[in-house]
Amino acid sequence: MPDYRYVPGENPLFMNEKMSKIEKDVVVRCIVMGTKWIEAEREFQALVSLEGDYLGPVSDEASLH
């Protein structure tokens, strides 16, 4: 996420110069680059990217349309 910088604190988040935020409970549109099944933990892990058109945090207004 080259455009975003980490902001530590009580509620840490990532923010870019346009004040777009990625924090807990924010919906993020991303592209899945790869997946891996971890049998011992019975879960998937995913490698994702935010680089590309229309990727990143989804605003509340956009998710309503």
Protein backbone atom coordinates (compact mmCIF):
# COMPACT_ATOMS: atom_id res chain seq x y z
CA MET A 1 0.00 0.00 0.00
CA PRO A 2 2.47 2.63 -1.12
CA ASP A 3 -0.05 5.49 -0.88
CA TYR A 4 -1.03 4.70 2.73
CA ARG A 5 0.92 5.31 5.92
CA TYR A 6 0.39 3.60 9.25
CA VAL A 7 -0.99 5.80 12.06
CA PRO A 8 -0.45 4.12 15.44
CA GLY A 9 -2.59 4.81 18.48
CA GLU A 10 -5.51 3.47 20.50
CA ASN A 11 -7.37 2.86 17.21
CA PRO A 12 -4.56 2.35 14.64
CA LEU A 13 -5.31 2.91 10.97
CA PHE A 14 -3.79 3.48 7.55
CA MET A 15 -4.33 6.87 5.85
CA ASN A 16 -3.30 8.38 2.53
CA GLU A 17 -2.78 12.00 1.43
CA LYS A 18 -6.45 12.27 0.37
CA MET A 19 -7.45 11.43 3.97
CA SER A 20 -8.87 8.06 2.88
CA LYS A 21 -8.74 5.71 5.91
CA ILE A 22 -8.47 1.96 6.35
CA GLU A 23 -9.29 0.95 9.91
CA LYS A 24 -11.19 -1.74 11.79
CA ASP A 25 -14.63 -2.50 10.31
CA VAL A 26 -14.00 -0.53 7.08
CA VAL A 27 -15.08 -2.30 3.89
CA VAL A 28 -12.16 -2.57 1.46
CA ARG A 29 -12.36 -3.57 -2.21
CA CYS A 30 -9.23 -5.50 -3.20
CA ILE A 31 -7.96 -7.96 -5.76
CA VAL A 32 -6.99 -11.45 -4.55
CA MET A 33 -3.52 -12.42 -5.76
CA GLY A 34 -3.40 -15.83 -4.09
CA THR A 35 -4.86 -18.01 -1.34
CA LYS A 36 -3.57 -20.66 1.02
CA TRP A 37 -5.48 -23.19 3.16
CA ILE A 38 -4.01 -23.75 6.64
CA GLU A 39 -5.32 -27.16 7.71
CA ALA A 40 -4.12 -26.95 11.35
CA GLU A 41 -6.04 -23.70 11.87
CA ARG A 42 -8.88 -24.59 9.47
CA GLU A 43 -8.71 -21.19 7.78
CA PHE A 44 -7.74 -19.52 4.53
CA GLN A 45 -5.05 -16.88 4.20
CA ALA A 46 -5.19 -14.48 1.28
CA LEU A 47 -2.61 -12.26 -0.40
CA VAL A 48 -4.42 -9.18 -1.71
CA SER A 49 -3.57 -5.91 -3.43
CA LEU A 50 -5.12 -2.44 -3.38
CA GLU A 51 -3.25 -1.32 -6.49
CA GLY A 52 -5.64 -0.80 -9.40
CA ASP A 53 -8.68 1.16 -10.44
CA TYR A 54 -11.66 1.16 -8.05
CA LEU A 55 -9.73 -0.63 -5.26
CA GLY A 56 -9.39 0.54 -1.65
CA PRO A 57 -11.83 1.64 1.05
CA VAL A 58 -15.47 1.67 0.00
CA SER A 59 -17.40 4.71 1.24
CA ASP A 60 -20.83 4.26 2.82
CA GLU A 61 -22.44 6.20 -0.04
CA ALA A 62 -20.87 3.97 -2.69
CA SER A 63 -21.94 0.77 -0.91
CA LEU A 64 -25.58 1.92 -0.87
CA HIS A 65 -25.85 2.12 -4.69
